[in-house]
Amino acid sequence: VRTLAVDPDMAGRGIGSVLLTALMDRARAVGVQRVFCLTFA
């Protein structure tokens, strides 16, 4: 998972979580079993 970002004016509304869930769904759809990220969060 890369480049996950939410407009600061929209922070705290769950947008990052919804995006991450959708990205994880993409991972499952292509057969990936492990997902890496490099983060401060």
Full PDB file with SEQRES, HELIX, SHEET, SSBOND, CRYST1, ORIGX, SCALE, CONECT and MASTER records, all heavy atoms in Angstrom:
SEQRES   1 A   41  VAL ARG THR LEU ALA VAL ASP PRO ASP MET ALA GLY ARG          
SEQRES   2 A   41  GLY ILE GLY SER VAL LEU LEU THR ALA LEU MET ASP ARG          
SEQRES   3 A   41  ALA ARG ALA VAL GLY VAL GLN ARG VAL PHE CYS LEU THR          
SEQRES   4 A   41  PHE ALA                                                      
HELIX    1 AA1 PRO A    8  MET A   10  5                                   3    
HELIX    2 AA2 ILE A   15  VAL A   30  1                                  16    
CRYST1    1.000    1.000    1.000  90.00  90.00  90.00 P 1           1          
ORIGX1      1.000000  0.000000  0.000000        0.00000                         
ORIGX2      0.000000  1.000000  0.000000        0.00000                         
ORIGX3      0.000000  0.000000  1.000000        0.00000                         
SCALE1      1.000000  0.000000  0.000000        0.00000                         
SCALE2      0.000000  1.000000  0.000000        0.00000                         
SCALE3      0.000000  0.000000  1.000000        0.00000                         
ATOM      1  N   VAL A   1       0.879  -1.166   0.000  1.00  0.00           N  
ATOM      2  CA  VAL A   1       0.000   0.000   0.000  1.00  0.00           C  
ATOM      3  C   VAL A   1       0.913   1.212   0.000  1.00  0.00           C  
ATOM      4  O   VAL A   1       1.829   1.313   0.814  1.00  0.00           O  
ATOM      5  CB  VAL A   1      -0.918   0.020   1.238  1.00  0.00           C  
ATOM      6  CG1 VAL A   1      -1.607   1.368   1.383  1.00  0.00           C  
ATOM      7  CG2 VAL A   1      -1.944  -1.088   1.143  1.00  0.00           C  
ATOM      8  N   ARG A   2       0.663   2.119  -0.927  1.00  0.00           N  
ATOM      9  CA  ARG A   2       1.499   3.303  -1.103  1.00  0.00           C  
ATOM     10  C   ARG A   2       0.643   4.557  -1.215  1.00  0.00           C  
ATOM     11  O   ARG A   2      -0.509   4.507  -1.623  1.00  0.00           O  
ATOM     12  CB  ARG A   2       2.271   3.224  -2.425  1.00  0.00           C  
ATOM     13  CG  ARG A   2       3.115   2.038  -2.602  1.00  0.00           C  
ATOM     14  CD  ARG A   2       3.739   2.039  -3.972  1.00  0.00           C  
ATOM     15  NE  ARG A   2       4.835   1.091  -3.988  1.00  0.00           N  
ATOM     16  CZ  ARG A   2       5.594   0.868  -5.026  1.00  0.00           C  
ATOM     17  NH1 ARG A   2       5.375   1.515  -6.147  1.00  0.00           N  
ATOM     18  NH2 ARG A   2       6.565  -0.001  -4.954  1.00  0.00           N  
ATOM     19  N   THR A   3       1.274   5.659  -0.903  1.00  0.00           N  
ATOM     20  CA  THR A   3       0.731   6.978  -1.203  1.00  0.00           C  
ATOM     21  C   THR A   3      -0.701   7.145  -0.687  1.00  0.00           C  
ATOM     22  O   THR A   3      -1.561   7.689  -1.370  1.00  0.00           O  
ATOM     23  CB  THR A   3       0.815   7.264  -2.727  1.00  0.00           C  
ATOM     24  OG1 THR A   3       2.053   6.768  -3.249  1.00  0.00           O  
ATOM     25  CG2 THR A   3       0.737   8.756  -3.002  1.00  0.00           C  
ATOM     26  N   LEU A   4      -0.952   6.666   0.517  1.00  0.00           N  
ATOM     27  CA  LEU A   4      -2.272   6.817   1.128  1.00  0.00           C  
ATOM     28  C   LEU A   4      -2.333   8.193   1.779  1.00  0.00           C  
ATOM     29  O   LEU A   4      -1.545   8.493   2.673  1.00  0.00           O  
ATOM     30  CB  LEU A   4      -2.494   5.712   2.159  1.00  0.00           C  
ATOM     31  CG  LEU A   4      -3.874   5.638   2.804  1.00  0.00           C  
ATOM     32  CD1 LEU A   4      -4.964   5.413   1.768  1.00  0.00           C  
ATOM     33  CD2 LEU A   4      -3.902   4.530   3.845  1.00  0.00           C  
ATOM     34  N   ALA A   5      -3.227   9.029   1.275  1.00  0.00           N  
ATOM     35  CA  ALA A   5      -3.311  10.411   1.758  1.00  0.00           C  
ATOM     36  C   ALA A   5      -4.749  10.889   1.727  1.00  0.00           C  
ATOM     37  O   ALA A   5      -5.519  10.530   0.838  1.00  0.00           O  
ATOM     38  CB  ALA A   5      -2.446  11.329   0.887  1.00  0.00           C  
ATOM     39  N   VAL A   6      -5.090  11.718   2.717  1.00  0.00           N  
ATOM     40  CA  VAL A   6      -6.425  12.314   2.803  1.00  0.00           C  
ATOM     41  C   VAL A   6      -6.248  13.818   2.974  1.00  0.00           C  
ATOM     42  O   VAL A   6      -5.370  14.275   3.718  1.00  0.00           O  
ATOM     43  CB  VAL A   6      -7.216  11.725   3.990  1.00  0.00           C  
ATOM     44  CG1 VAL A   6      -8.542  12.445   4.195  1.00  0.00           C  
ATOM     45  CG2 VAL A   6      -7.443  10.231   3.777  1.00  0.00           C  
ATOM     46  N   ASP A   7      -7.077  14.573   2.293  1.00  0.00           N  
ATOM     47  CA  ASP A   7      -7.071  16.026   2.437  1.00  0.00           C  
ATOM     48  C   ASP A   7      -7.186  16.364   3.923  1.00  0.00           C  
ATOM     49  O   ASP A   7      -8.096  15.874   4.602  1.00  0.00           O  
ATOM     50  CB  ASP A   7      -8.272  16.586   1.667  1.00  0.00           C  
ATOM     51  CG  ASP A   7      -8.371  18.093   1.696  1.00  0.00           C  
ATOM     52  OD1 ASP A   7      -8.040  18.713   2.731  1.00  0.00           O  
ATOM     53  OD2 ASP A   7      -8.802  18.659   0.681  1.00  0.00           O  
ATOM     54  N   PRO A   8      -6.267  17.183   4.450  1.00  0.00           N  
ATOM     55  CA  PRO A   8      -6.310  17.499   5.884  1.00  0.00           C  
ATOM     56  C   PRO A   8      -7.656  18.069   6.343  1.00  0.00           C  
ATOM     57  O   PRO A   8      -8.070  17.857   7.481  1.00  0.00           O  
ATOM     58  CB  PRO A   8      -5.198  18.535   6.067  1.00  0.00           C  
ATOM     59  CG  PRO A   8      -4.287  18.335   4.913  1.00  0.00           C  
ATOM     60  CD  PRO A   8      -5.135  17.826   3.782  1.00  0.00           C  
ATOM     61  N   ASP A   9      -8.361  18.773   5.460  1.00  0.00           N  
ATOM     62  CA  ASP A   9      -9.680  19.313   5.810  1.00  0.00           C  
ATOM     63  C   ASP A   9     -10.726  18.220   5.989  1.00  0.00           C  
ATOM     64  O   ASP A   9     -11.796  18.465   6.543  1.00  0.00           O  
ATOM     65  CB  ASP A   9     -10.164  20.293   4.729  1.00  0.00           C  
ATOM     66  CG  ASP A   9      -9.326  21.552   4.660  1.00  0.00           C  
ATOM     67  OD1 ASP A   9      -8.655  21.892   5.663  1.00  0.00           O  
ATOM     68  OD2 ASP A   9      -9.327  22.197   3.593  1.00  0.00           O  
ATOM     69  N   MET A  10     -10.423  17.009   5.513  1.00  0.00           N  
ATOM     70  CA  MET A  10     -11.359  15.891   5.584  1.00  0.00           C  
ATOM     71  C   MET A  10     -10.887  14.814   6.564  1.00  0.00           C  
ATOM     72  O   MET A  10     -11.492  13.738   6.657  1.00  0.00           O  
ATOM     73  CB  MET A  10     -11.542  15.276   4.191  1.00  0.00           C  
ATOM     74  CG  MET A  10     -12.113  16.226   3.164  1.00  0.00           C  
ATOM     75  SD  MET A  10     -13.810  16.684   3.506  1.00  0.00           S  
ATOM     76  CE  MET A  10     -14.649  15.178   3.037  1.00  0.00           C  
ATOM     77  N   ALA A  11      -9.813  15.092   7.273  1.00  0.00           N  
ATOM     78  CA  ALA A  11      -9.244  14.109   8.209  1.00  0.00           C  
ATOM     79  C   ALA A  11     -10.249  13.761   9.300  1.00  0.00           C  
ATOM     80  O   ALA A  11     -11.081  14.581   9.691  1.00  0.00           O  
ATOM     81  CB  ALA A  11      -7.962  14.656   8.828  1.00  0.00           C  
ATOM     82  N   GLY A  12     -10.162  12.543   9.800  1.00  0.00           N  
ATOM     83  CA  GLY A  12     -11.000  12.106  10.899  1.00  0.00           C  
ATOM     84  C   GLY A  12     -12.393  11.658  10.499  1.00  0.00           C  
ATOM     85  O   GLY A  12     -13.234  11.390  11.358  1.00  0.00           O  
ATOM     86  N   ARG A  13     -12.646  11.529   9.214  1.00  0.00           N  
ATOM     87  CA  ARG A  13     -13.973  11.121   8.740  1.00  0.00           C  
ATOM     88  C   ARG A  13     -14.003   9.683   8.233  1.00  0.00           C  
ATOM     89  O   ARG A  13     -14.992   9.258   7.646  1.00  0.00           O  
ATOM     90  CB  ARG A  13     -14.442  12.058   7.638  1.00  0.00           C  
ATOM     91  CG  ARG A  13     -14.596  13.482   8.131  1.00  0.00           C  
ATOM     92  CD  ARG A  13     -15.122  14.368   7.046  1.00  0.00           C  
ATOM     93  NE  ARG A  13     -15.039  15.764   7.481  1.00  0.00           N  
ATOM     94  CZ  ARG A  13     -15.655  16.747   6.886  1.00  0.00           C  
ATOM     95  NH1 ARG A  13     -16.415  16.514   5.826  1.00  0.00           N  
ATOM     96  NH2 ARG A  13     -15.518  17.987   7.319  1.00  0.00           N  
ATOM     97  N   GLY A  14     -12.890   8.965   8.416  1.00  0.00           N  
ATOM     98  CA  GLY A  14     -12.848   7.565   7.999  1.00  0.00           C  
ATOM     99  C   GLY A  14     -12.466   7.339   6.550  1.00  0.00           C  
ATOM    100  O   GLY A  14     -12.504   6.202   6.070  1.00  0.00           O  
ATOM    101  N   ILE A  15     -12.088   8.395   5.850  1.00  0.00           N  
ATOM    102  CA  ILE A  15     -11.760   8.261   4.429  1.00  0.00           C  
ATOM    103  C   ILE A  15     -10.529   7.383   4.237  1.00  0.00           C  
ATOM    104  O   ILE A  15     -10.494   6.519   3.359  1.00  0.00           O  
ATOM    105  CB  ILE A  15     -11.573   9.645   3.783  1.00  0.00           C  
ATOM    106  CG1 ILE A  15     -12.891  10.417   3.832  1.00  0.00           C  
ATOM    107  CG2 ILE A  15     -11.061   9.520   2.347  1.00  0.00           C  
ATOM    108  CD1 ILE A  15     -12.778  11.890   3.499  1.00  0.00           C  
ATOM    109  N   GLY A  16      -9.513   7.571   5.067  1.00  0.00           N  
ATOM    110  CA  GLY A  16      -8.312   6.742   4.966  1.00  0.00           C  
ATOM    111  C   GLY A  16      -8.626   5.281   5.185  1.00  0.00           C  
ATOM    112  O   GLY A  16      -8.107   4.407   4.485  1.00  0.00           O  
ATOM    113  N   SER A  17      -9.492   4.998   6.139  1.00  0.00           N  
ATOM    114  CA  SER A  17      -9.879   3.610   6.415  1.00  0.00           C  
ATOM    115  C   SER A  17     -10.624   2.989   5.243  1.00  0.00           C  
ATOM    116  O   SER A  17     -10.376   1.836   4.880  1.00  0.00           O  
ATOM    117  CB  SER A  17     -10.748   3.540   7.674  1.00  0.00           C  
ATOM    118  OG  SER A  17      -9.981   3.857   8.810  1.00  0.00           O  
ATOM    119  N   VAL A  18     -11.521   3.749   4.640  1.00  0.00           N  
ATOM    120  CA  VAL A  18     -12.275   3.232   3.500  1.00  0.00           C  
ATOM    121  C   VAL A  18     -11.339   2.983   2.317  1.00  0.00           C  
ATOM    122  O   VAL A  18     -11.428   1.958   1.632  1.00  0.00           O  
ATOM    123  CB  VAL A  18     -13.425   4.185   3.120  1.00  0.00           C  
ATOM    124  CG1 VAL A  18     -14.119   3.743   1.853  1.00  0.00           C  
ATOM    125  CG2 VAL A  18     -14.425   4.281   4.264  1.00  0.00           C  
ATOM    126  N   LEU A  19     -10.417   3.909   2.087  1.00  0.00           N  
ATOM    127  CA  LEU A  19      -9.440   3.721   1.008  1.00  0.00           C  
ATOM    128  C   LEU A  19      -8.569   2.489   1.274  1.00  0.00           C  
ATOM    129  O   LEU A  19      -8.364   1.671   0.376  1.00  0.00           O  
ATOM    130  CB  LEU A  19      -8.545   4.955   0.872  1.00  0.00           C  
ATOM    131  CG  LEU A  19      -9.059   6.078  -0.009  1.00  0.00           C  
ATOM    132  CD1 LEU A  19      -8.252   7.351   0.223  1.00  0.00           C  
ATOM    133  CD2 LEU A  19      -9.026   5.681  -1.476  1.00  0.00           C  
ATOM    134  N   LEU A  20      -8.065   2.361   2.496  1.00  0.00           N  
ATOM    135  CA  LEU A  20      -7.211   1.219   2.815  1.00  0.00           C  
ATOM    136  C   LEU A  20      -7.967  -0.097   2.654  1.00  0.00           C  
ATOM    137  O   LEU A  20      -7.428  -1.060   2.097  1.00  0.00           O  
ATOM    138  CB  LEU A  20      -6.636   1.347   4.227  1.00  0.00           C  
ATOM    139  CG  LEU A  20      -5.706   0.217   4.659  1.00  0.00           C  
ATOM    140  CD1 LEU A  20      -4.540   0.045   3.693  1.00  0.00           C  
ATOM    141  CD2 LEU A  20      -5.216   0.457   6.079  1.00  0.00           C  
ATOM    142  N   THR A  21      -9.201  -0.147   3.088  1.00  0.00           N  
ATOM    143  CA  THR A  21     -10.011  -1.359   2.928  1.00  0.00           C  
ATOM    144  C   THR A  21     -10.159  -1.708   1.450  1.00  0.00           C  
ATOM    145  O   THR A  21     -10.023  -2.870   1.058  1.00  0.00           O  
ATOM    146  CB  THR A  21     -11.384  -1.174   3.598  1.00  0.00           C  
ATOM    147  OG1 THR A  21     -11.177  -0.967   4.995  1.00  0.00           O  
ATOM    148  CG2 THR A  21     -12.279  -2.380   3.377  1.00  0.00           C  
ATOM    149  N   ALA A  22     -10.409  -0.708   0.626  1.00  0.00           N  
ATOM    150  CA  ALA A  22     -10.550  -0.947  -0.816  1.00  0.00           C  
ATOM    151  C   ALA A  22      -9.232  -1.413  -1.434  1.00  0.00           C  
ATOM    152  O   ALA A  22      -9.223  -2.291  -2.310  1.00  0.00           O  
ATOM    153  CB  ALA A  22     -11.053   0.318  -1.508  1.00  0.00           C  
ATOM    154  N   LEU A  23      -8.114  -0.860  -0.970  1.00  0.00           N  
ATOM    155  CA  LEU A  23      -6.809  -1.294  -1.473  1.00  0.00           C  
ATOM    156  C   LEU A  23      -6.512  -2.736  -1.046  1.00  0.00           C  
ATOM    157  O   LEU A  23      -5.972  -3.524  -1.830  1.00  0.00           O  
ATOM    158  CB  LEU A  23      -5.714  -0.347  -0.992  1.00  0.00           C  
ATOM    159  CG  LEU A  23      -5.786   1.063  -1.586  1.00  0.00           C  
ATOM    160  CD1 LEU A  23      -4.864   2.009  -0.822  1.00  0.00           C  
ATOM    161  CD2 LEU A  23      -5.462   1.060  -3.073  1.00  0.00           C  
ATOM    162  N   MET A  24      -6.896  -3.096   0.171  1.00  0.00           N  
ATOM    163  CA  MET A  24      -6.708  -4.473   0.641  1.00  0.00           C  
ATOM    164  C   MET A  24      -7.599  -5.433  -0.160  1.00  0.00           C  
ATOM    165  O   MET A  24      -7.199  -6.563  -0.446  1.00  0.00           O  
ATOM    166  CB  MET A  24      -6.992  -4.573   2.136  1.00  0.00           C  
ATOM    167  CG  MET A  24      -6.093  -3.689   2.994  1.00  0.00           C  
ATOM    168  SD  MET A  24      -4.369  -4.143   2.946  1.00  0.00           S  
ATOM    169  CE  MET A  24      -4.349  -5.328   4.268  1.00  0.00           C  
ATOM    170  N   ASP A  25      -8.789  -4.975  -0.534  1.00  0.00           N  
ATOM    171  CA  ASP A  25      -9.659  -5.784  -1.392  1.00  0.00           C  
ATOM    172  C   ASP A  25      -8.995  -6.027  -2.746  1.00  0.00           C  
ATOM    173  O   ASP A  25      -9.091  -7.122  -3.309  1.00  0.00           O  
ATOM    174  CB  ASP A  25     -11.018  -5.111  -1.582  1.00  0.00           C  
ATOM    175  CG  ASP A  25     -11.877  -5.159  -0.333  1.00  0.00           C  
ATOM    176  OD1 ASP A  25     -11.570  -5.943   0.602  1.00  0.00           O  
ATOM    177  OD2 ASP A  25     -12.869  -4.390  -0.276  1.00  0.00           O  
ATOM    178  N   ARG A  26      -8.328  -5.003  -3.270  1.00  0.00           N  
ATOM    179  CA  ARG A  26      -7.585  -5.168  -4.524  1.00  0.00           C  
ATOM    180  C   ARG A  26      -6.501  -6.222  -4.362  1.00  0.00           C  
ATOM    181  O   ARG A  26      -6.268  -7.031  -5.255  1.00  0.00           O  
ATOM    182  CB  ARG A  26      -6.931  -3.849  -4.950  1.00  0.00           C  
ATOM    183  CG  ARG A  26      -7.816  -2.944  -5.734  1.00  0.00           C  
ATOM    184  CD  ARG A  26      -6.993  -1.824  -6.334  1.00  0.00           C  
ATOM    185  NE  ARG A  26      -7.776  -1.202  -7.392  1.00  0.00           N  
ATOM    186  CZ  ARG A  26      -7.315  -0.287  -8.213  1.00  0.00           C  
ATOM    187  NH1 ARG A  26      -6.067   0.124  -8.114  1.00  0.00           N  
ATOM    188  NH2 ARG A  26      -8.083   0.234  -9.140  1.00  0.00           N  
ATOM    189  N   ALA A  27      -5.808  -6.180  -3.236  1.00  0.00           N  
ATOM    190  CA  ALA A  27      -4.747  -7.164  -2.974  1.00  0.00           C  
ATOM    191  C   ALA A  27      -5.321  -8.576  -3.000  1.00  0.00           C  
ATOM    192  O   ALA A  27      -4.756  -9.469  -3.645  1.00  0.00           O  
ATOM    193  CB  ALA A  27      -4.086  -6.868  -1.628  1.00  0.00           C  
ATOM    194  N   ARG A  28      -6.426  -8.764  -2.318  1.00  0.00           N  
ATOM    195  CA  ARG A  28      -7.073 -10.081  -2.299  1.00  0.00           C  
ATOM    196  C   ARG A  28      -7.483 -10.503  -3.714  1.00  0.00           C  
ATOM    197  O   ARG A  28      -7.324 -11.664  -4.094  1.00  0.00           O  
ATOM    198  CB  ARG A  28      -8.302 -10.066  -1.403  1.00  0.00           C  
ATOM    199  CG  ARG A  28      -8.008 -10.071   0.071  1.00  0.00           C  
ATOM    200  CD  ARG A  28      -9.297 -10.098   0.905  1.00  0.00           C  
ATOM    201  NE  ARG A  28      -9.006  -9.794   2.272  1.00  0.00           N  
ATOM    202  CZ  ARG A  28      -8.984  -8.559   2.789  1.00  0.00           C  
ATOM    203  NH1 ARG A  28      -9.281  -7.508   2.045  1.00  0.00           N  
ATOM    204  NH2 ARG A  28      -8.687  -8.377   4.065  1.00  0.00           N  
ATOM    205  N   ALA A  29      -8.013  -9.563  -4.476  1.00  0.00           N  
ATOM    206  CA  ALA A  29      -8.519  -9.868  -5.813  1.00  0.00           C  
ATOM    207  C   ALA A  29      -7.427 -10.357  -6.760  1.00  0.00           C  
ATOM    208  O   ALA A  29      -7.706 -11.162  -7.658  1.00  0.00           O  
ATOM    209  CB  ALA A  29      -9.219  -8.643  -6.409  1.00  0.00           C  
ATOM    210  N   VAL A  30      -6.199  -9.892  -6.571  1.00  0.00           N  
ATOM    211  CA  VAL A  30      -5.122 -10.336  -7.447  1.00  0.00           C  
ATOM    212  C   VAL A  30      -4.326 -11.498  -6.855  1.00  0.00           C  
ATOM    213  O   VAL A  30      -3.362 -11.961  -7.449  1.00  0.00           O  
ATOM    214  CB  VAL A  30      -4.167  -9.185  -7.856  1.00  0.00           C  
ATOM    215  CG1 VAL A  30      -4.913  -8.118  -8.645  1.00  0.00           C  
ATOM    216  CG2 VAL A  30      -3.447  -8.598  -6.667  1.00  0.00           C  
ATOM    217  N   GLY A  31      -4.714 -11.969  -5.662  1.00  0.00           N  
ATOM    218  CA  GLY A  31      -4.098 -13.146  -5.077  1.00  0.00           C  
ATOM    219  C   GLY A  31      -2.958 -12.885  -4.111  1.00  0.00           C  
ATOM    220  O   GLY A  31      -2.272 -13.821  -3.699  1.00  0.00           O  
ATOM    221  N   VAL A  32      -2.760 -11.641  -3.753  1.00  0.00           N  
ATOM    222  CA  VAL A  32      -1.702 -11.310  -2.795  1.00  0.00           C  
ATOM    223  C   VAL A  32      -2.150 -11.732  -1.399  1.00  0.00           C  
ATOM    224  O   VAL A  32      -3.304 -11.562  -1.033  1.00  0.00           O  
ATOM    225  CB  VAL A  32      -1.387  -9.797  -2.855  1.00  0.00           C  
ATOM    226  CG1 VAL A  32      -0.543  -9.353  -1.688  1.00  0.00           C  
ATOM    227  CG2 VAL A  32      -0.709  -9.462  -4.169  1.00  0.00           C  
ATOM    228  N   GLN A  33      -1.223 -12.285  -0.626  1.00  0.00           N  
ATOM    229  CA  GLN A  33      -1.554 -12.756   0.717  1.00  0.00           C  
ATOM    230  C   GLN A  33      -0.951 -11.906   1.823  1.00  0.00           C  
ATOM    231  O   GLN A  33      -1.354 -12.002   2.976  1.00  0.00           O  
ATOM    232  CB  GLN A  33      -1.082 -14.208   0.868  1.00  0.00           C  
ATOM    233  CG  GLN A  33      -1.803 -15.125  -0.082  1.00  0.00           C  
ATOM    234  CD  GLN A  33      -0.979 -16.337  -0.462  1.00  0.00           C  
ATOM    235  OE1 GLN A  33       0.163 -16.490  -0.056  1.00  0.00           O  
ATOM    236  NE2 GLN A  33      -1.565 -17.194  -1.271  1.00  0.00           N  
ATOM    237  N   ARG A  34       0.038 -11.083   1.477  1.00  0.00           N  
ATOM    238  CA  ARG A  34       0.676 -10.205   2.461  1.00  0.00           C  
ATOM    239  C   ARG A  34       0.789  -8.812   1.870  1.00  0.00           C  
ATOM    240  O   ARG A  34       1.128  -8.659   0.690  1.00  0.00           O  
ATOM    241  CB  ARG A  34       2.061 -10.727   2.837  1.00  0.00           C  
ATOM    242  CG  ARG A  34       2.011 -12.110   3.469  1.00  0.00           C  
ATOM    243  CD  ARG A  34       3.384 -12.661   3.793  1.00  0.00           C  
ATOM    244  NE  ARG A  34       4.211 -12.728   2.599  1.00  0.00           N  
ATOM    245  CZ  ARG A  34       5.543 -12.665   2.599  1.00  0.00           C  
ATOM    246  NH1 ARG A  34       6.204 -12.513   3.719  1.00  0.00           N  
ATOM    247  NH2 ARG A  34       6.217 -12.756   1.476  1.00  0.00           N  
ATOM    248  N   VAL A  35       0.523  -7.802   2.707  1.00  0.00           N  
ATOM    249  CA  VAL A  35       0.582  -6.414   2.252  1.00  0.00           C  
ATOM    250  C   VAL A  35       1.530  -5.648   3.169  1.00  0.00           C  
ATOM    251  O   VAL A  35       1.373  -5.657   4.392  1.00  0.00           O  
ATOM    252  CB  VAL A  35      -0.816  -5.756   2.236  1.00  0.00           C  
ATOM    253  CG1 VAL A  35      -0.721  -4.299   1.809  1.00  0.00           C  
ATOM    254  CG2 VAL A  35      -1.748  -6.526   1.307  1.00  0.00           C  
ATOM    255  N   PHE A  36       2.467  -4.985   2.555  1.00  0.00           N  
ATOM    256  CA  PHE A  36       3.498  -4.210   3.241  1.00  0.00           C  
ATOM    257  C   PHE A  36       3.155  -2.726   3.169  1.00  0.00           C  
ATOM    258  O   PHE A  36       2.526  -2.262   2.217  1.00  0.00           O  
ATOM    259  CB  PHE A  36       4.836  -4.474   2.527  1.00  0.00           C  
ATOM    260  CG  PHE A  36       5.965  -3.590   2.961  1.00  0.00           C  
ATOM    261  CD1 PHE A  36       6.640  -3.833   4.149  1.00  0.00           C  
ATOM    262  CD2 PHE A  36       6.368  -2.527   2.176  1.00  0.00           C  
ATOM    263  CE1 PHE A  36       7.696  -3.028   4.547  1.00  0.00           C  
ATOM    264  CE2 PHE A  36       7.420  -1.712   2.559  1.00  0.00           C  
ATOM    265  CZ  PHE A  36       8.090  -1.970   3.754  1.00  0.00           C  
ATOM    266  N   CYS A  37       3.594  -1.974   4.165  1.00  0.00           N  
ATOM    267  CA  CYS A  37       3.573  -0.517   4.072  1.00  0.00           C  
ATOM    268  C   CYS A  37       4.746   0.037   4.866  1.00  0.00           C  
ATOM    269  O   CYS A  37       5.240  -0.591   5.799  1.00  0.00           O  
ATOM    270  CB  CYS A  37       2.254   0.086   4.535  1.00  0.00           C  
ATOM    271  SG  CYS A  37       1.996   0.023   6.305  1.00  0.00           S  
ATOM    272  N   LEU A  38       5.195   1.202   4.463  1.00  0.00           N  
ATOM    273  CA  LEU A  38       6.247   1.942   5.141  1.00  0.00           C  
ATOM    274  C   LEU A  38       5.586   3.231   5.601  1.00  0.00           C  
ATOM    275  O   LEU A  38       5.110   4.009   4.772  1.00  0.00           O  
ATOM    276  CB  LEU A  38       7.374   2.217   4.148  1.00  0.00           C  
ATOM    277  CG  LEU A  38       8.661   2.799   4.675  1.00  0.00           C  
ATOM    278  CD1 LEU A  38       9.347   1.825   5.625  1.00  0.00           C  
ATOM    279  CD2 LEU A  38       9.595   3.124   3.505  1.00  0.00           C  
ATOM    280  N   THR A  39       5.512   3.456   6.915  1.00  0.00           N  
ATOM    281  CA  THR A  39       4.649   4.528   7.396  1.00  0.00           C  
ATOM    282  C   THR A  39       5.115   5.132   8.718  1.00  0.00           C  
ATOM    283  O   THR A  39       5.847   4.511   9.483  1.00  0.00           O  
ATOM    284  CB  THR A  39       3.211   3.993   7.576  1.00  0.00           C  
ATOM    285  OG1 THR A  39       2.348   5.065   7.919  1.00  0.00           O  
ATOM    286  CG2 THR A  39       3.144   2.918   8.653  1.00  0.00           C  
ATOM    287  N   PHE A  40       4.642   6.341   8.963  1.00  0.00           N  
ATOM    288  CA  PHE A  40       4.740   6.968  10.278  1.00  0.00           C  
ATOM    289  C   PHE A  40       3.438   6.755  11.052  1.00  0.00           C  
ATOM    290  O   PHE A  40       3.383   6.933  12.255  1.00  0.00           O  
ATOM    291  CB  PHE A  40       4.989   8.482  10.155  1.00  0.00           C  
ATOM    292  CG  PHE A  40       6.359   8.828   9.657  1.00  0.00           C  
ATOM    293  CD1 PHE A  40       6.555   9.265   8.358  1.00  0.00           C  
ATOM    294  CD2 PHE A  40       7.460   8.725  10.494  1.00  0.00           C  
ATOM    295  CE1 PHE A  40       7.817   9.591   7.907  1.00  0.00           C  
ATOM    296  CE2 PHE A  40       8.734   9.050  10.046  1.00  0.00           C  
ATOM    297  CZ  PHE A  40       8.909   9.486   8.745  1.00  0.00           C  
ATOM    298  N   ALA A  41       2.372   6.394  10.352  1.00  0.00           N  
ATOM    299  CA  ALA A  41       1.028   6.289  10.945  1.00  0.00           C  
ATOM    300  C   ALA A  41       0.792   4.891  11.520  1.00  0.00           C  
ATOM    301  O   ALA A  41      -0.150   4.191  11.138  1.00  0.00           O  
ATOM    302  CB  ALA A  41      -0.024   6.639   9.897  1.00  0.00           C  
TER     303      ALA A  41                                                      
MASTER        0    0    0    2    0    0    0    6  302    1    0    4          
END                                                                             
